[in-house]
PDB file of N, CA and C in Angstrom:
ATOM      1  N   MET A   1       9.899   3.543   1.871  1.00  0.00           N
ATOM      2  CA  MET A   1       8.811   2.666   1.668  1.00  0.00           C
ATOM      3  C   MET A   1       7.858   3.202   0.596  1.00  0.00           C
ATOM      4  N   GLN A   2       7.494   2.492  -0.462  1.00  0.00           N
ATOM      5  CA  GLN A   2       6.718   3.114  -1.433  1.00  0.00           C
ATOM      6  C   GLN A   2       5.381   2.786  -1.424  1.00  0.00           C
ATOM      7  N   ALA A   3       4.784   1.973  -0.228  1.00  0.00           N
ATOM      8  CA  ALA A   3       3.382   1.652  -0.361  1.00  0.00           C
ATOM      9  C   ALA A   3       2.826   3.077   0.339  1.00  0.00           C
ATOM     10  N   ASP A   4       1.501   2.960   0.173  1.00  0.00           N
ATOM     11  CA  ASP A   4       0.533   4.163   0.627  1.00  0.00           C
ATOM     12  C   ASP A   4       0.603   4.240   1.972  1.00  0.00           C
ATOM     13  N   LYS A   5       1.519   5.349   2.308  1.00  0.00           N
ATOM     14  CA  LYS A   5       1.669   5.508   3.769  1.00  0.00           C
ATOM     15  C   LYS A   5       0.791   5.738   4.801  1.00  0.00           C
ATOM     16  N   GLU A   6      -0.079   6.679   4.211  1.00  0.00           N
ATOM     17  CA  GLU A   6      -1.448   6.996   5.067  1.00  0.00           C
ATOM     18  C   GLU A   6      -2.160   5.768   5.263  1.00  0.00           C
ATOM     19  N   ARG A   7      -2.488   5.074   4.121  1.00  0.00           N
ATOM     20  CA  ARG A   7      -3.345   3.751   4.374  1.00  0.00           C
ATOM     21  C   ARG A   7      -2.589   2.894   5.538  1.00  0.00           C
ATOM     22  N   ALA A   8      -1.289   2.744   5.475  1.00  0.00           N
ATOM     23  CA  ALA A   8      -0.508   1.761   6.212  1.00  0.00           C
ATOM     24  C   ALA A   8      -0.562   2.415   7.687  1.00  0.00           C
ATOM     25  N   VAL A   9      -0.478   3.674   7.858  1.00  0.00           N
ATOM     26  CA  VAL A   9      -0.387   4.251   9.259  1.00  0.00           C
ATOM     27  C   VAL A   9      -1.840   4.054   9.822  1.00  0.00           C
ATOM     28  N   ARG A  10      -2.931   4.526   8.865  1.00  0.00           N
ATOM     29  CA  ARG A  10      -4.082   4.310   9.481  1.00  0.00           C
ATOM     30  C   ARG A  10      -4.549   2.752   9.931  1.00  0.00           C
ATOM     31  N   LEU A  11      -4.247   1.861   9.086  1.00  0.00           N
ATOM     32  CA  LEU A  11      -4.350   0.434   9.425  1.00  0.00           C
ATOM     33  C   LEU A  11      -3.728   0.067  10.643  1.00  0.00           C
ATOM     34  N   LEU A  12      -2.434   0.299  10.630  1.00  0.00           N
ATOM     35  CA  LEU A  12      -1.702  -0.064  11.937  1.00  0.00           C
ATOM     36  C   LEU A  12      -2.215   0.608  13.099  1.00  0.00           C
ATOM     37  N   LYS A  13      -2.587   1.803  12.918  1.00  0.00           N
ATOM     38  CA  LYS A  13      -3.172   2.338  14.189  1.00  0.00           C
ATOM     39  C   LYS A  13      -4.473   1.722  14.710  1.00  0.00           C
ATOM     40  N   THR A  14      -5.209   1.303  13.667  1.00  0.00           N
ATOM     41  CA  THR A  14      -6.407   0.370  14.137  1.00  0.00           C
ATOM     42  C   THR A  14      -5.949  -0.743  14.838  1.00  0.00           C
ATOM     43  N   ALA A  15      -4.944  -1.431  14.093  1.00  0.00           N
ATOM     44  CA  ALA A  15      -4.541  -2.815  14.781  1.00  0.00           C
ATOM     45  C   ALA A  15      -4.102  -2.447  15.945  1.00  0.00           C
ATOM     46  N   ARG A  16      -3.300  -1.298  16.428  1.00  0.00           N
ATOM     47  CA  ARG A  16      -2.719  -1.193  17.690  1.00  0.00           C
ATOM     48  C   ARG A  16      -3.936  -0.901  18.687  1.00  0.00           C
ATOM     49  N   GLY A  17      -5.031  -0.290  18.238  1.00  0.00           N
ATOM     50  CA  GLY A  17      -6.216  -0.128  19.046  1.00  0.00           C
ATOM     51  C   GLY A  17      -6.871  -1.529  19.385  1.00  0.00           C
ATOM     52  N   GLN A  18      -7.053  -2.392  18.348  1.00  0.00           N
ATOM     53  CA  GLN A  18      -7.495  -3.848  18.687  1.00  0.00           C
ATOM     54  C   GLN A  18      -6.556  -4.484  19.717  1.00  0.00           C
ATOM     55  N   LEU A  19      -5.236  -4.190  19.493  1.00  0.00           N
ATOM     56  CA  LEU A  19      -4.455  -4.973  20.484  1.00  0.00           C
ATOM     57  C   LEU A  19      -4.620  -4.477  21.969  1.00  0.00           C
ATOM     58  N   ASP A  20      -4.947  -3.164  22.084  1.00  0.00           N
ATOM     59  CA  ASP A  20      -5.165  -2.593  23.232  1.00  0.00           C
ATOM     60  C   ASP A  20      -6.267  -3.082  23.749  1.00  0.00           C
ATOM     61  N   GLY A  21      -7.547  -3.365  22.869  1.00  0.00           N
ATOM     62  CA  GLY A  21      -8.660  -3.879  23.302  1.00  0.00           C
ATOM     63  C   GLY A  21      -8.554  -5.185  23.541  1.00  0.00           C
ATOM     64  N   LEU A  22      -7.862  -6.154  22.993  1.00  0.00           N
ATOM     65  CA  LEU A  22      -7.454  -7.468  23.222  1.00  0.00           C
ATOM     66  C   LEU A  22      -6.830  -7.640  24.769  1.00  0.00           C
ATOM     67  N   LEU A  23      -6.019  -6.827  24.903  1.00  0.00           N
ATOM     68  CA  LEU A  23      -5.293  -6.846  26.372  1.00  0.00           C
ATOM     69  C   LEU A  23      -6.495  -6.710  27.240  1.00  0.00           C
ATOM     70  N   LYS A  24      -7.203  -5.617  27.139  1.00  0.00           N
ATOM     71  CA  LYS A  24      -8.335  -5.386  28.168  1.00  0.00           C
ATOM     72  C   LYS A  24      -9.405  -6.679  28.147  1.00  0.00           C
ATOM     73  N   MET A  25      -9.723  -7.135  27.068  1.00  0.00           N
ATOM     74  CA  MET A  25     -10.592  -8.287  27.094  1.00  0.00           C
ATOM     75  C   MET A  25      -9.823  -9.459  27.955  1.00  0.00           C
ATOM     76  N   ILE A  26      -8.725  -9.690  27.794  1.00  0.00           N
ATOM     77  CA  ILE A  26      -7.977 -10.883  28.478  1.00  0.00           C
ATOM     78  C   ILE A  26      -7.906 -10.410  30.074  1.00  0.00           C
ATOM     79  N   GLU A  27      -7.660  -9.292  30.290  1.00  0.00           N
ATOM     80  CA  GLU A  27      -7.516  -8.678  31.662  1.00  0.00           C
ATOM     81  C   GLU A  27      -8.948  -8.906  32.471  1.00  0.00           C
ATOM     82  N   GLU A  28      -9.920  -8.742  31.599  1.00  0.00           N
ATOM     83  CA  GLU A  28     -11.438  -8.797  32.080  1.00  0.00           C
ATOM     84  C   GLU A  28     -11.873 -10.179  31.976  1.00  0.00           C
ATOM     85  N   ASP A  29     -11.058 -11.164  31.639  1.00  0.00           N
ATOM     86  CA  ASP A  29     -11.527 -12.684  31.405  1.00  0.00           C
ATOM     87  C   ASP A  29     -12.867 -12.673  30.554  1.00  0.00           C
ATOM     88  N   ARG A  30     -12.657 -12.031  29.422  1.00  0.00           N
ATOM     89  CA  ARG A  30     -13.738 -12.219  28.289  1.00  0.00           C
ATOM     90  C   ARG A  30     -13.692 -13.604  27.839  1.00  0.00           C
ATOM     91  N   ALA A  31     -14.729 -13.943  27.190  1.00  0.00           N
ATOM     92  CA  ALA A  31     -14.880 -15.387  26.596  1.00  0.00           C
ATOM     93  C   ALA A  31     -13.860 -15.692  25.452  1.00  0.00           C
ATOM     94  N   CYS A  32     -13.324 -16.913  25.558  1.00  0.00           N
ATOM     95  CA  CYS A  32     -12.237 -17.166  24.829  1.00  0.00           C
ATOM     96  C   CYS A  32     -12.459 -16.952  23.132  1.00  0.00           C
ATOM     97  N   MET A  33     -13.777 -17.339  22.889  1.00  0.00           N
ATOM     98  CA  MET A  33     -13.954 -17.166  21.412  1.00  0.00           C
ATOM     99  C   MET A  33     -14.156 -15.559  21.046  1.00  0.00           C
ATOM    100  N   ASP A  34     -14.569 -14.725  21.851  1.00  0.00           N
ATOM    101  CA  ASP A  34     -14.595 -13.344  21.665  1.00  0.00           C
ATOM    102  C   ASP A  34     -13.237 -12.829  21.498  1.00  0.00           C
ATOM    103  N   VAL A  35     -12.291 -13.486  22.254  1.00  0.00           N
ATOM    104  CA  VAL A  35     -10.896 -12.928  22.179  1.00  0.00           C
ATOM    105  C   VAL A  35     -10.207 -13.471  20.825  1.00  0.00           C
ATOM    106  N   SER A  36     -10.690 -14.727  20.516  1.00  0.00           N
ATOM    107  CA  SER A  36     -10.286 -15.281  19.300  1.00  0.00           C
ATOM    108  C   SER A  36     -10.786 -14.591  18.184  1.00  0.00           C
ATOM    109  N   TYR A  37     -11.813 -14.180  18.144  1.00  0.00           N
ATOM    110  CA  TYR A  37     -12.411 -13.375  17.003  1.00  0.00           C
ATOM    111  C   TYR A  37     -11.712 -11.926  16.760  1.00  0.00           C
ATOM    112  N   GLN A  38     -11.383 -11.380  17.702  1.00  0.00           N
ATOM    113  CA  GLN A  38     -10.609 -10.051  17.853  1.00  0.00           C
ATOM    114  C   GLN A  38      -9.151 -10.522  17.343  1.00  0.00           C
ATOM    115  N   LEU A  39      -8.627 -11.385  17.793  1.00  0.00           N
ATOM    116  CA  LEU A  39      -7.186 -11.718  17.186  1.00  0.00           C
ATOM    117  C   LEU A  39      -7.282 -12.067  15.634  1.00  0.00           C
ATOM    118  N   LEU A  40      -8.190 -12.628  15.308  1.00  0.00           N
ATOM    119  CA  LEU A  40      -8.342 -12.831  13.801  1.00  0.00           C
ATOM    120  C   LEU A  40      -8.570 -11.476  12.962  1.00  0.00           C
ATOM    121  N   ALA A  41      -9.335 -10.674  13.462  1.00  0.00           N
ATOM    122  CA  ALA A  41      -9.529  -9.347  12.904  1.00  0.00           C
ATOM    123  C   ALA A  41      -8.287  -8.487  13.146  1.00  0.00           C
ATOM    124  N   THR A  42      -7.541  -8.706  14.117  1.00  0.00           N
ATOM    125  CA  THR A  42      -6.144  -7.940  14.130  1.00  0.00           C
ATOM    126  C   THR A  42      -5.330  -8.583  12.967  1.00  0.00           C
ATOM    127  N   GLN A  43      -5.241  -9.770  13.155  1.00  0.00           N
ATOM    128  CA  GLN A  43      -4.210 -10.416  12.008  1.00  0.00           C
ATOM    129  C   GLN A  43      -4.623 -10.072  10.465  1.00  0.00           C
ATOM    130  N   ALA A  44      -6.021 -10.048  10.266  1.00  0.00           N
ATOM    131  CA  ALA A  44      -6.428  -9.447   8.956  1.00  0.00           C
ATOM    132  C   ALA A  44      -5.888  -8.206   8.590  1.00  0.00           C
ATOM    133  N   ILE A  45      -5.824  -7.218   9.414  1.00  0.00           N
ATOM    134  CA  ILE A  45      -5.560  -5.893   9.346  1.00  0.00           C
ATOM    135  C   ILE A  45      -4.026  -5.945   9.183  1.00  0.00           C
ATOM    136  N   LEU A  46      -3.223  -6.748   9.727  1.00  0.00           N
ATOM    137  CA  LEU A  46      -1.784  -6.824   9.528  1.00  0.00           C
ATOM    138  C   LEU A  46      -1.430  -7.387   8.226  1.00  0.00           C
ATOM    139  N   ARG A  47      -2.161  -8.473   7.812  1.00  0.00           N
ATOM    140  CA  ARG A  47      -2.055  -9.089   6.629  1.00  0.00           C
ATOM    141  C   ARG A  47      -2.294  -8.151   5.316  1.00  0.00           C
ATOM    142  N   LYS A  48      -3.200  -7.186   5.697  1.00  0.00           N
ATOM    143  CA  LYS A  48      -3.465  -6.490   4.502  1.00  0.00           C
ATOM    144  C   LYS A  48      -2.361  -5.332   4.316  1.00  0.00           C
ATOM    145  N   VAL A  49      -1.825  -4.898   5.562  1.00  0.00           N
ATOM    146  CA  VAL A  49      -0.728  -4.030   5.465  1.00  0.00           C
ATOM    147  C   VAL A  49       0.602  -4.539   4.886  1.00  0.00           C
ATOM    148  N   ASN A  50       0.732  -5.884   5.074  1.00  0.00           N
ATOM    149  CA  ASN A  50       1.834  -6.571   4.544  1.00  0.00           C
ATOM    150  C   ASN A  50       1.763  -6.757   3.223  1.00  0.00           C
ATOM    151  N   HIS A  51       0.308  -7.021   2.702  1.00  0.00           N
ATOM    152  CA  HIS A  51       0.107  -7.417   1.294  1.00  0.00           C
ATOM    153  C   HIS A  51       0.566  -5.850   0.539  1.00  0.00           C
ATOM    154  N   ASP A  52       0.017  -4.900   0.986  1.00  0.00           N
ATOM    155  CA  ASP A  52       0.131  -3.486   0.380  1.00  0.00           C
ATOM    156  C   ASP A  52       1.817  -3.117   0.320  1.00  0.00           C
ATOM    157  N   VAL A  53       2.509  -3.606   1.563  1.00  0.00           N
ATOM    158  CA  VAL A  53       3.981  -3.330   1.415  1.00  0.00           C
ATOM    159  C   VAL A  53       4.646  -4.155   0.228  1.00  0.00           C
ATOM    160  N   ILE A  54       4.346  -5.370   0.136  1.00  0.00           N
ATOM    161  CA  ILE A  54       4.934  -6.258  -0.630  1.00  0.00           C
ATOM    162  C   ILE A  54       4.396  -5.918  -2.088  1.00  0.00           C
ATOM    163  N   ARG A  55       3.168  -5.501  -2.243  1.00  0.00           N
ATOM    164  CA  ARG A  55       2.901  -5.143  -3.694  1.00  0.00           C
ATOM    165  C   ARG A  55       3.689  -4.056  -4.030  1.00  0.00           C
ATOM    166  N   ALA A  56       3.837  -3.031  -3.188  1.00  0.00           N
ATOM    167  CA  ALA A  56       4.571  -1.807  -3.590  1.00  0.00           C
ATOM    168  C   ALA A  56       6.018  -2.294  -3.823  1.00  0.00           C
ATOM    169  N   HIS A  57       6.541  -2.965  -2.913  1.00  0.00           N
ATOM    170  CA  HIS A  57       7.947  -3.500  -3.313  1.00  0.00           C
ATOM    171  C   HIS A  57       8.048  -4.054  -4.566  1.00  0.00           C
ATOM    172  N   LEU A  58       7.136  -4.816  -5.172  1.00  0.00           N
ATOM    173  CA  LEU A  58       7.173  -5.613  -6.428  1.00  0.00           C
ATOM    174  C   LEU A  58       7.140  -4.536  -7.490  1.00  0.00           C
ATOM    175  N   GLN A  59       6.096  -3.560  -7.289  1.00  0.00           N
ATOM    176  CA  GLN A  59       5.828  -2.523  -8.341  1.00  0.00           C
ATOM    177  C   GLN A  59       6.952  -1.522  -8.362  1.00  0.00           C
ATOM    178  N   GLY A  60       7.625  -1.310  -7.277  1.00  0.00           N
ATOM    179  CA  GLY A  60       8.652  -0.272  -7.450  1.00  0.00           C
ATOM    180  C   GLY A  60      10.106  -0.813  -7.430  1.00  0.00           C
ATOM    181  N   CYS A  61      10.494  -1.187  -6.060  1.00  0.00           N
ATOM    182  CA  CYS A  61      11.943  -1.680  -6.087  1.00  0.00           C
ATOM    183  C   CYS A  61      12.332  -3.006  -7.161  1.00  0.00           C
ATOM    184  N   VAL A  62      11.366  -3.996  -7.191  1.00  0.00           N
ATOM    185  CA  VAL A  62      11.767  -5.006  -8.026  1.00  0.00           C
ATOM    186  C   VAL A  62      11.739  -4.665  -9.411  1.00  0.00           C
ATOM    187  N   ARG A  63      10.754  -3.953  -9.842  1.00  0.00           N
ATOM    188  CA  ARG A  63      10.788  -3.496 -11.243  1.00  0.00           C
ATOM    189  C   ARG A  63      12.022  -2.548 -11.768  1.00  0.00           C
ATOM    190  N   GLU A  64      12.390  -1.752 -10.682  1.00  0.00           N
ATOM    191  CA  GLU A  64      13.515  -1.092 -11.117  1.00  0.00           C
ATOM    192  C   GLU A  64      14.797  -1.911 -10.998  1.00  0.00           C
ATOM    193  N   ALA A  65      14.860  -2.788 -10.262  1.00  0.00           N
ATOM    194  CA  ALA A  65      16.059  -3.822 -10.320  1.00  0.00           C
ATOM    195  C   ALA A  65      16.029  -4.507 -11.586  1.00  0.00           C
ATOM    196  N   PHE A  66      14.835  -5.014 -12.066  1.00  0.00           N
ATOM    197  CA  PHE A  66      14.979  -5.542 -13.426  1.00  0.00           C
ATOM    198  C   PHE A  66      15.303  -4.531 -14.496  1.00  0.00           C
ATOM    199  N   GLN A  67      14.996  -3.404 -14.531  1.00  0.00           N
ATOM    200  CA  GLN A  67      15.408  -2.392 -15.446  1.00  0.00           C
ATOM    201  C   GLN A  67      16.707  -1.971 -15.408  1.00  0.00           C
ATOM    202  N   THR A  68      17.488  -2.189 -14.347  1.00  0.00           N
ATOM    203  CA  THR A  68      18.846  -1.783 -14.089  1.00  0.00           C
ATOM    204  C   THR A  68      19.804  -3.138 -14.262  1.00  0.00           C
ATOM    205  N   GLY A  69      19.117  -4.298 -14.374  1.00  0.00           N
ATOM    206  CA  GLY A  69      19.995  -5.396 -14.322  1.00  0.00           C
ATOM    207  C   GLY A  69      20.515  -5.822 -13.039  1.00  0.00           C
ATOM    208  N   GLN A  70      19.797  -5.497 -11.800  1.00  0.00           N
ATOM    209  CA  GLN A  70      20.149  -5.952 -10.657  1.00  0.00           C
ATOM    210  C   GLN A  70      19.151  -6.792 -10.004  1.00  0.00           C
ATOM    211  N   GLU A  71      18.532  -7.573 -10.748  1.00  0.00           N
ATOM    212  CA  GLU A  71      17.199  -8.487 -10.156  1.00  0.00           C
ATOM    213  C   GLU A  71      17.635  -9.449  -9.182  1.00  0.00           C
ATOM    214  N   ALA A  72      18.898 -10.094  -9.176  1.00  0.00           N
ATOM    215  CA  ALA A  72      19.081 -11.281  -8.380  1.00  0.00           C
ATOM    216  C   ALA A  72      18.912 -11.007  -7.064  1.00  0.00           C
ATOM    217  N   GLU A  73      19.171  -9.879  -6.354  1.00  0.00           N
ATOM    218  CA  GLU A  73      19.065  -9.572  -5.031  1.00  0.00           C
ATOM    219  C   GLU A  73      17.680  -9.420  -4.662  1.00  0.00           C
ATOM    220  N   LYS A  74      16.930  -8.732  -5.410  1.00  0.00           N
ATOM    221  CA  LYS A  74      15.560  -8.604  -5.314  1.00  0.00           C
ATOM    222  C   LYS A  74      14.568  -9.899  -5.368  1.00  0.00           C
ATOM    223  N   ILE A  75      15.245 -10.838  -6.333  1.00  0.00           N
ATOM    224  CA  ILE A  75      14.458 -12.112  -6.379  1.00  0.00           C
ATOM    225  C   ILE A  75      14.649 -12.711  -5.169  1.00  0.00           C
ATOM    226  N   GLU A  76      15.778 -12.688  -4.602  1.00  0.00           N
ATOM    227  CA  GLU A  76      16.056 -13.353  -3.369  1.00  0.00           C
ATOM    228  C   GLU A  76      15.257 -12.808  -2.081  1.00  0.00           C
ATOM    229  N   GLU A  77      15.288 -11.542  -2.045  1.00  0.00           N
ATOM    230  CA  GLU A  77      14.332 -10.994  -1.155  1.00  0.00           C
ATOM    231  C   GLU A  77      12.812 -11.407  -1.342  1.00  0.00           C
ATOM    232  N   VAL A  78      12.167 -11.615  -2.534  1.00  0.00           N
ATOM    233  CA  VAL A  78      10.817 -11.902  -2.559  1.00  0.00           C
ATOM    234  C   VAL A  78      10.787 -13.278  -2.244  1.00  0.00           C
ATOM    235  N   LEU A  79      11.672 -14.282  -2.561  1.00  0.00           N
ATOM    236  CA  LEU A  79      11.831 -15.638  -2.217  1.00  0.00           C
ATOM    237  C   LEU A  79      11.655 -15.948  -0.699  1.00  0.00           C
ATOM    238  N   ALA A  80      12.641 -14.955  -0.042  1.00  0.00           N
ATOM    239  CA  ALA A  80      12.574 -15.173   1.270  1.00  0.00           C
ATOM    240  C   ALA A  80      11.352 -14.957   2.075  1.00  0.00           C
ATOM    241  N   ILE A  81      10.687 -13.757   1.625  1.00  0.00           N
ATOM    242  CA  ILE A  81       9.404 -13.340   2.071  1.00  0.00           C
ATOM    243  C   ILE A  81       8.168 -14.392   1.894  1.00  0.00           C
ATOM    244  N   VAL A  82       8.449 -14.910   0.647  1.00  0.00           N
ATOM    245  CA  VAL A  82       7.497 -16.061   0.108  1.00  0.00           C
ATOM    246  C   VAL A  82       7.541 -17.247   1.193  1.00  0.00           C
ATOM    247  N   ASP A  83       8.822 -17.483   1.359  1.00  0.00           N
ATOM    248  CA  ASP A  83       9.212 -18.623   2.320  1.00  0.00           C
ATOM    249  C   ASP A  83       8.479 -18.578   3.676  1.00  0.00           C
ATOM    250  N   LYS A  84       8.595 -17.280   4.194  1.00  0.00           N
ATOM    251  CA  LYS A  84       8.032 -16.852   5.552  1.00  0.00           C
ATOM    252  C   LYS A  84       6.394 -16.951   5.671  1.00  0.00           C
ATOM    253  N   LEU A  85       5.875 -16.462   4.372  1.00  0.00           N
ATOM    254  CA  LEU A  85       4.405 -16.500   4.325  1.00  0.00           C
ATOM    255  C   LEU A  85       3.833 -17.757   4.112  1.00  0.00           C
ATOM    256  N   THR A  86       4.656 -18.719   3.495  1.00  0.00           N
ATOM    257  CA  THR A  86       4.031 -20.083   3.289  1.00  0.00           C
ATOM    258  C   THR A  86       4.527 -21.174   4.155  1.00  0.00           C
ATOM    259  N   GLY A  87       5.606 -20.759   5.147  1.00  0.00           N
ATOM    260  CA  GLY A  87       6.234 -21.665   5.900  1.00  0.00           C
ATOM    261  C   GLY A  87       5.663 -21.583   7.368  1.00  0.00           C
TER     262      GLY A  87
END
């Protein structure tokens, strides 16, 4: 993986902590909207990490594939992830 690993690890650990907090909130019957806001915050972190990973893939692996004439496979990879993101 070519993304900033330290940043990805830090953000994922934060998301893991938020998930632990969410479990506790649900076990304690906290207000639905409080739980929902925490879920949104966790999703935002995961989206940020995914953005960083995709960006690094485009700047590294995809660029390299174009330079070596092997772009077809990488284009399909990017299209597949775009489909998942938009579907």
